[in-house]
Protein backbone atom coordinates (compact mmCIF):
# COMPACT_ATOMS: atom_id res chain seq x y z
CA UNK A 1 0.27 -135.27 -56.21
CA UNK A 2 -3.30 -135.25 -57.40
CA UNK A 3 -4.53 -135.66 -53.85
CA UNK A 4 -2.43 -132.72 -52.70
CA UNK A 5 -3.86 -130.57 -55.50
CA UNK A 6 -7.34 -131.66 -54.55
CA UNK A 7 -6.75 -130.83 -50.89
CA UNK A 8 -5.29 -127.42 -51.82
CA UNK A 9 -8.21 -126.78 -54.11
CA UNK A 10 -10.70 -127.67 -51.41
CA UNK A 11 -8.81 -125.50 -48.96
CA UNK A 12 -8.94 -122.51 -51.28
CA UNK A 13 -12.63 -123.14 -51.92
CA UNK A 14 -13.40 -123.29 -48.20
CA UNK A 15 -11.37 -120.12 -47.63
CA UNK A 16 -13.26 -118.36 -50.42
CA UNK A 17 -16.59 -119.46 -48.93
CA UNK A 18 -15.53 -118.17 -45.50
CA UNK A 19 -14.47 -114.82 -46.96
CA UNK A 20 -17.76 -114.46 -48.83
CA UNK A 21 -19.70 -115.46 -45.70
CA UNK A 22 -17.79 -112.87 -43.65
CA UNK A 23 -18.37 -110.12 -46.20
CA UNK A 24 -22.07 -110.95 -46.48
CA UNK A 25 -22.31 -110.95 -42.70
CA UNK A 26 -20.61 -107.57 -42.54
CA UNK A 27 -22.98 -106.17 -45.16
CA UNK A 28 -25.95 -107.57 -43.25
CA UNK A 29 -24.75 -105.90 -40.06
CA UNK A 30 -24.28 -102.62 -41.92
CA UNK A 31 -27.76 -102.88 -43.38
CA UNK A 32 -29.17 -103.18 -39.86
CA UNK A 33 -27.74 -99.78 -38.92
CA UNK A 34 -30.48 -97.14 -39.08
CA UNK A 35 -29.38 -93.80 -40.51
CA UNK A 36 -31.13 -90.62 -39.38
CA UNK A 37 -30.21 -87.24 -40.85
CA UNK A 38 -30.31 -84.26 -38.46
CA UNK A 39 -30.52 -80.70 -39.82
CA UNK A 40 -30.07 -78.13 -37.07
CA UNK A 41 -28.28 -74.92 -36.14
CA UNK A 42 -24.89 -75.19 -34.45
CA UNK A 43 -23.42 -71.86 -35.54
CA UNK A 44 -26.26 -69.31 -35.79
CA UNK A 45 -28.77 -67.60 -33.54
CA UNK A 46 -30.34 -70.88 -32.41
CA UNK A 47 -27.09 -72.75 -31.75
CA UNK A 48 -27.93 -72.84 -28.03
CA UNK A 49 -30.84 -75.13 -28.95
CA UNK A 50 -29.03 -77.13 -31.63
CA UNK A 51 -26.17 -77.94 -29.25
CA UNK A 52 -28.72 -79.28 -26.77
CA UNK A 53 -30.33 -81.34 -29.51
CA UNK A 54 -26.94 -82.93 -30.13
CA UNK A 55 -26.67 -83.82 -26.43
CA UNK A 56 -30.14 -85.36 -26.44
CA UNK A 57 -29.11 -87.45 -29.45
CA UNK A 58 -25.99 -88.63 -27.64
CA UNK A 59 -28.05 -89.80 -24.66
CA UNK A 60 -30.50 -91.62 -26.93
CA UNK A 61 -27.80 -93.27 -29.02
CA UNK A 62 -26.14 -94.74 -25.92
CA UNK A 63 -29.47 -96.10 -24.68
CA UNK A 64 -30.35 -97.64 -28.04
CA UNK A 65 -26.93 -99.26 -28.25
CA UNK A 66 -27.56 -101.12 -24.97
CA UNK A 67 -30.75 -102.47 -26.58
CA UNK A 68 -28.82 -103.70 -29.61
CA UNK A 69 -30.27 -101.04 -31.93
CA UNK A 70 -27.55 -99.52 -34.12
CA UNK A 71 -28.21 -95.94 -35.20
CA UNK A 72 -26.02 -93.51 -37.07
CA UNK A 73 -27.18 -89.93 -36.51
CA UNK A 74 -25.64 -87.73 -39.21
CA UNK A 75 -25.76 -84.11 -38.03
CA UNK A 76 -25.67 -81.19 -40.46
CA UNK A 77 -25.28 -77.57 -39.32
CA UNK A 78 -27.15 -75.05 -41.51
CA UNK A 79 -26.77 -71.92 -39.39
CA UNK A 80 -30.43 -70.92 -39.99
CA UNK A 81 -29.66 -70.46 -43.71
CA UNK A 82 -32.48 -72.06 -45.72
CA UNK A 83 -30.28 -72.67 -48.78
CA UNK A 84 -27.78 -74.59 -46.62
CA UNK A 85 -30.64 -76.64 -45.17
CA UNK A 86 -31.75 -77.63 -48.67
CA UNK A 87 -28.17 -78.63 -49.56
CA UNK A 88 -27.88 -80.62 -46.33
CA UNK A 89 -31.12 -82.47 -47.09
CA UNK A 90 -29.88 -83.34 -50.57
CA UNK A 91 -26.59 -84.67 -49.18
CA UNK A 92 -28.29 -86.74 -46.50
CA UNK A 93 -30.62 -88.38 -49.01
CA UNK A 94 -28.37 -88.72 -52.05
CA UNK A 95 -25.01 -89.47 -50.46
CA UNK A 96 -25.66 -90.70 -46.93
CA UNK A 97 -28.80 -92.65 -47.92
CA UNK A 98 -30.60 -91.88 -44.66
CA UNK A 99 -33.75 -93.70 -43.61
CA UNK A 100 -35.38 -90.57 -42.17
CA UNK A 101 -34.76 -86.87 -41.52
CA UNK A 102 -35.25 -84.65 -38.47
CA UNK A 103 -34.96 -80.87 -38.99
CA UNK A 104 -35.21 -77.92 -36.62
CA UNK A 105 -36.42 -74.30 -36.85
CA UNK A 106 -38.61 -72.72 -39.49
CA UNK A 107 -36.05 -71.99 -42.26
CA UNK A 108 -34.71 -75.53 -42.19
CA UNK A 109 -38.11 -77.15 -41.72
CA UNK A 110 -39.55 -75.46 -44.81
CA UNK A 111 -36.48 -75.91 -47.05
CA UNK A 112 -36.11 -79.58 -46.10
CA UNK A 113 -39.81 -80.24 -46.70
CA UNK A 114 -39.53 -78.69 -50.15
CA UNK A 115 -36.73 -81.11 -51.06
CA UNK A 116 -38.35 -84.18 -49.50
CA UNK A 117 -41.89 -83.61 -50.76
CA UNK A 118 -41.61 -86.17 -53.58
CA UNK A 119 -39.47 -88.63 -51.61
CA UNK A 120 -40.66 -91.63 -49.61
CA UNK A 121 -38.65 -90.61 -46.56
CA UNK A 122 -40.18 -90.14 -43.07
CA UNK A 123 -39.60 -86.62 -41.79
CA UNK A 124 -40.17 -85.03 -38.39
CA UNK A 125 -39.55 -81.33 -38.02
CA UNK A 126 -39.26 -79.28 -34.85
CA UNK A 127 -40.71 -75.85 -35.70
CA UNK A 128 -43.80 -73.71 -35.27
CA UNK A 129 -44.91 -73.78 -38.92
CA UNK A 130 -47.65 -76.13 -40.13
CA UNK A 131 -47.43 -75.51 -43.90
CA UNK A 132 -44.86 -78.29 -44.65
CA UNK A 133 -47.38 -80.93 -43.54
CA UNK A 134 -49.37 -80.55 -46.75
CA UNK A 135 -46.35 -81.56 -48.85
CA UNK A 136 -46.24 -85.24 -47.90
CA UNK A 137 -48.14 -87.67 -45.67
CA UNK A 138 -44.84 -88.88 -44.21
CA UNK A 139 -44.18 -85.48 -42.64
CA UNK A 140 -44.75 -84.90 -38.90
CA UNK A 141 -44.57 -81.68 -36.89
CA UNK A 142 -43.57 -81.06 -33.30
CA UNK A 143 -43.04 -77.96 -31.18
CA UNK A 144 -45.29 -75.48 -29.41
CA UNK A 145 -48.51 -73.99 -30.81
CA UNK A 146 -47.45 -70.36 -31.35
CA UNK A 147 -50.92 -69.00 -32.04
CA UNK A 148 -52.28 -70.48 -28.82
CA UNK A 149 -49.18 -69.54 -26.84
CA UNK A 150 -49.23 -65.91 -27.92
CA UNK A 151 -52.97 -65.76 -27.28
CA UNK A 152 -52.50 -67.00 -23.72
CA UNK A 153 -49.70 -64.62 -22.75
CA UNK A 154 -51.57 -61.73 -24.41
CA UNK A 155 -54.55 -62.59 -22.19
CA UNK A 156 -52.29 -62.53 -19.14
CA UNK A 157 -51.16 -59.01 -20.03
CA UNK A 158 -54.75 -57.93 -20.60
CA UNK A 159 -55.69 -59.30 -17.18
CA UNK A 160 -52.96 -57.04 -15.75
CA UNK A 161 -54.64 -53.97 -17.30
CA UNK A 162 -52.47 -53.68 -20.40
CA UNK A 163 -54.74 -51.94 -22.90
CA UNK A 164 -52.40 -51.75 -25.89
CA UNK A 165 -49.74 -54.23 -26.89
CA UNK A 166 -46.82 -54.30 -29.31
CA UNK A 167 -45.52 -57.15 -31.43
CA UNK A 168 -42.05 -57.46 -32.90
CA UNK A 169 -43.05 -59.87 -35.67
CA UNK A 170 -40.37 -61.89 -37.41
CA UNK A 171 -41.29 -62.14 -41.11
CA UNK A 172 -41.84 -65.88 -41.08
CA UNK A 173 -44.92 -68.06 -40.64
CA UNK A 174 -44.52 -68.41 -36.87
CA UNK A 175 -44.56 -64.61 -36.58
CA UNK A 176 -47.91 -64.58 -38.38
CA UNK A 177 -49.23 -67.30 -36.07
CA UNK A 178 -48.27 -65.26 -33.01
CA UNK A 179 -49.90 -62.15 -34.49
CA UNK A 180 -53.13 -64.06 -35.06
CA UNK A 181 -53.15 -65.22 -31.44
CA UNK A 182 -52.62 -61.70 -30.06
CA UNK A 183 -55.37 -60.31 -32.30
CA UNK A 184 -57.83 -62.72 -30.72
CA UNK A 185 -57.26 -60.90 -27.43
CA UNK A 186 -56.41 -57.30 -28.34
CA UNK A 187 -58.01 -56.85 -31.76
CA UNK A 188 -57.02 -53.47 -33.19
CA UNK A 189 -55.21 -52.48 -29.98
CA UNK A 190 -52.01 -54.04 -31.25
CA UNK A 191 -49.02 -52.35 -32.90
CA UNK A 192 -47.16 -54.81 -35.12
CA UNK A 193 -43.66 -54.03 -36.39
CA UNK A 194 -41.84 -56.53 -38.58
CA UNK A 195 -38.23 -57.63 -38.86
CA UNK A 196 -36.22 -60.19 -40.80
CA UNK A 197 -34.44 -63.12 -39.21
CA UNK A 198 -30.90 -62.00 -38.51
CA UNK A 199 -31.74 -58.33 -37.84
CA UNK A 200 -30.20 -57.18 -34.57
CA UNK A 201 -31.22 -53.54 -34.20
CA UNK A 202 -34.81 -53.09 -33.03
CA UNK A 203 -34.58 -49.44 -31.98
CA UNK A 204 -36.84 -48.12 -34.76
CA UNK A 205 -39.52 -50.78 -34.29
CA UNK A 206 -39.57 -50.41 -30.51
CA UNK A 207 -39.71 -46.62 -30.73
CA UNK A 208 -42.84 -46.90 -32.90
CA UNK A 209 -44.34 -49.40 -30.48
CA UNK A 210 -43.58 -47.17 -27.50
CA UNK A 211 -44.87 -43.99 -29.19
CA UNK A 212 -48.02 -45.90 -30.16
CA UNK A 213 -48.88 -46.26 -26.48
CA UNK A 214 -48.07 -49.95 -25.97
CA UNK A 215 -47.41 -51.06 -22.40
CA UNK A 216 -46.03 -54.48 -23.34
CA UNK A 217 -44.26 -56.05 -26.30
CA UNK A 218 -44.09 -59.65 -27.50
CA UNK A 219 -41.32 -61.18 -29.62
CA UNK A 220 -41.21 -64.95 -30.17
CA UNK A 221 -37.98 -65.19 -32.15
CA UNK A 222 -34.79 -66.87 -30.98
CA UNK A 223 -32.51 -66.18 -28.00
CA UNK A 224 -30.65 -63.49 -29.95
CA UNK A 225 -33.96 -61.73 -30.74
CA UNK A 226 -34.91 -61.68 -27.07
CA UNK A 227 -31.46 -60.34 -26.21
CA UNK A 228 -31.68 -57.58 -28.83
CA UNK A 229 -35.19 -56.60 -27.71
CA UNK A 230 -34.29 -56.43 -24.03
CA UNK A 231 -31.07 -54.56 -24.86
CA UNK A 232 -33.05 -51.71 -26.43
CA UNK A 233 -35.57 -51.69 -23.55
CA UNK A 234 -32.67 -51.47 -21.08
CA UNK A 235 -30.58 -48.88 -22.94
CA UNK A 236 -33.51 -46.57 -23.72
CA UNK A 237 -35.17 -47.18 -20.35
CA UNK A 238 -38.51 -48.12 -21.90
CA UNK A 239 -41.15 -49.16 -19.40
CA UNK A 240 -42.36 -52.14 -21.41
CA UNK A 241 -43.42 -55.53 -20.14
CA UNK A 242 -42.05 -58.39 -22.23
CA UNK A 243 -43.55 -61.60 -23.62
CA UNK A 244 -41.84 -64.42 -25.48
CA UNK A 245 -41.45 -68.18 -25.81
CA UNK A 246 -39.73 -69.54 -22.74
CA UNK A 247 -36.84 -71.34 -24.45
CA UNK A 248 -35.40 -67.96 -25.55
CA UNK A 249 -34.92 -66.97 -21.90
CA UNK A 250 -31.63 -68.75 -21.31
CA UNK A 251 -29.40 -68.42 -18.25
CA UNK A 252 -27.39 -65.79 -20.10
CA UNK A 253 -30.54 -63.73 -20.76
CA UNK A 254 -31.61 -64.00 -17.12
CA UNK A 255 -28.17 -62.91 -15.95
CA UNK A 256 -27.86 -59.97 -18.36
CA UNK A 257 -31.43 -58.66 -18.45
CA UNK A 258 -32.94 -59.76 -15.15
CA UNK A 259 -34.42 -56.30 -14.47
CA UNK A 260 -36.10 -56.11 -17.89
CA UNK A 261 -37.61 -59.59 -17.37
CA UNK A 262 -39.46 -58.55 -14.23
CA UNK A 263 -43.16 -59.20 -14.89
CA UNK A 264 -42.48 -60.91 -18.24
CA UNK A 265 -44.83 -63.66 -19.40
CA UNK A 266 -43.68 -66.64 -21.44
CA UNK A 267 -45.25 -69.77 -22.87
CA UNK A 268 -43.24 -72.93 -23.14
CA UNK A 269 -42.88 -76.63 -22.66
CA UNK A 270 -43.79 -78.40 -19.47
CA UNK A 271 -40.85 -79.32 -17.27
CA UNK A 272 -39.02 -82.41 -18.56
CA UNK A 273 -39.45 -85.51 -16.44
CA UNK A 274 -37.16 -86.02 -13.46
CA UNK A 275 -35.95 -89.21 -15.10
CA UNK A 276 -34.68 -87.25 -18.10
CA UNK A 277 -33.22 -84.52 -15.91
CA UNK A 278 -31.17 -87.21 -14.18
CA UNK A 279 -29.89 -88.39 -17.55
CA UNK A 280 -28.49 -85.00 -18.50
CA UNK A 281 -26.66 -84.24 -15.26
CA UNK A 282 -23.27 -84.89 -16.85
CA UNK A 283 -23.98 -82.64 -19.85
CA UNK A 284 -23.52 -78.88 -20.03
CA UNK A 285 -26.91 -78.39 -21.68
CA UNK A 286 -28.06 -74.86 -22.52
CA UNK A 287 -31.67 -75.87 -23.25
CA UNK A 288 -33.07 -78.94 -21.57
CA UNK A 289 -36.12 -78.59 -23.84
CA UNK A 290 -34.07 -78.94 -27.02
CA UNK A 291 -32.43 -82.08 -25.66
CA UNK A 292 -35.73 -83.55 -24.43
CA UNK A 293 -37.76 -82.96 -27.58
CA UNK A 294 -35.07 -84.41 -29.84
CA UNK A 295 -34.68 -87.41 -27.53
CA UNK A 296 -38.46 -88.01 -27.51
CA UNK A 297 -39.18 -87.83 -31.24
CA UNK A 298 -35.99 -89.44 -32.50
CA UNK A 299 -36.68 -92.38 -30.19
CA UNK A 300 -40.14 -92.69 -31.76
CA UNK A 301 -38.66 -92.51 -35.24
CA UNK A 302 -35.92 -95.06 -34.60
CA UNK A 303 -38.31 -97.54 -33.00
CA UNK A 304 -40.74 -97.20 -35.91
CA UNK A 305 -38.00 -97.85 -38.46
CA UNK A 306 -36.55 -100.70 -36.39
CA UNK A 307 -39.99 -102.34 -36.35
CA UNK A 308 -41.05 -101.58 -39.91
CA UNK A 309 -37.86 -101.46 -41.96
CA UNK A 310 -38.46 -99.68 -45.27
CA UNK A 311 -42.26 -100.03 -45.07
CA UNK A 312 -43.29 -96.36 -44.88
CA UNK A 313 -46.97 -97.18 -44.36
CA UNK A 314 -46.02 -99.20 -41.29
CA UNK A 315 -43.71 -96.39 -40.10
CA UNK A 316 -46.55 -93.85 -40.34
CA UNK A 317 -48.98 -96.12 -38.54
CA UNK A 318 -46.43 -96.75 -35.78
CA UNK A 319 -45.74 -93.02 -35.34
CA UNK A 320 -49.47 -92.28 -35.33
CA UNK A 321 -49.93 -94.68 -32.43
CA UNK A 322 -46.94 -93.42 -30.40
CA UNK A 323 -47.77 -93.67 -26.68
CA UNK A 324 -47.69 -90.65 -24.41
CA UNK A 325 -44.26 -89.81 -23.03
CA UNK A 326 -43.64 -87.38 -20.17
CA UNK A 327 -40.02 -86.69 -21.14
CA UNK A 328 -41.29 -83.43 -22.67
CA UNK A 329 -45.05 -83.81 -22.13
CA UNK A 330 -45.86 -85.58 -25.41
CA UNK A 331 -49.47 -86.77 -25.47
CA UNK A 332 -50.11 -88.04 -29.01
CA UNK A 333 -49.99 -87.16 -32.69
CA UNK A 334 -53.17 -85.53 -34.03
CA UNK A 335 -53.19 -85.27 -37.82
CA UNK A 336 -49.39 -85.67 -37.73
CA UNK A 337 -48.96 -82.80 -35.25
CA UNK A 338 -47.47 -83.60 -31.85
CA UNK A 339 -49.72 -82.57 -28.99
CA UNK A 340 -47.48 -81.31 -26.19
CA UNK A 341 -48.23 -79.99 -22.72
CA UNK A 342 -47.69 -76.22 -22.50
CA UNK A 343 -47.22 -74.01 -19.47
CA UNK A 344 -47.20 -70.26 -18.83
CA UNK A 345 -44.58 -68.65 -16.65
CA UNK A 346 -44.11 -65.18 -15.17
CA UNK A 347 -40.69 -63.85 -14.21
């Protein structure tokens, strides 16, 4: 009887050890899963870009899985509402316990930076603004240089004998950057009219620009801003050349406002690599650039965390030494700002 009890006792002990071993193993596997929080727009004026970001993430996640790297991308839609971006950042950090954050567009980039500034959490944001970088040395910026881009397309217009130019300036930092670039070329021969993100009637601003003698107008907002600008130009039959950032000129814009785009100048990303274009063939992507830039920088972020774990100094050093990548023309990080190839295009 005693032997039977002993055997049963040993059996229970072995079973308990196996259960504990299994649970510890499960926890270890969970701990190896990298969590990245994504704050983007899937319901507002930049949803065309945010949806493409989501597709780029899907491509990357499948590739990483084949390499044995487990990543959970937790996507939050903030609809270009800064307060929602701040709430999303708080949720991702406090509840989801993410290892890093990636945010898109100026309202979200700034609001997220404000929340993360005293946190030891790596953060890459995809927006024109540079001000969040001063908040924390773990912050990195990507996207086009709006001051340089606006300067270059303004010069193109000047070369075509435009003597006075208009600017529809969104009242955000990237609008100010564009204004500064145009001033380098046109000086006082610029008529600047402001608007707030979300405004959709530009008739008053464009009337002032037209009456002021401008022969071209630049607006570097989102797709909806380009649509609303070209709508007024079409309806009121204004003879105005147009300038913008290329990713706002979607297929829908080309189809609807092809006549108003004649002679337009844009600045934008270089063409994504053929290799990446082959990867997205099975996706209905509205902006290949959104997919490519998210794919590029999230891959850098995941690899840095996979190599360094929780060591944020190591993560920063790894990001700083990221090799060039022609997926979207990434060259290097310079003072935590991604240097990207840029091209001009005329329609």
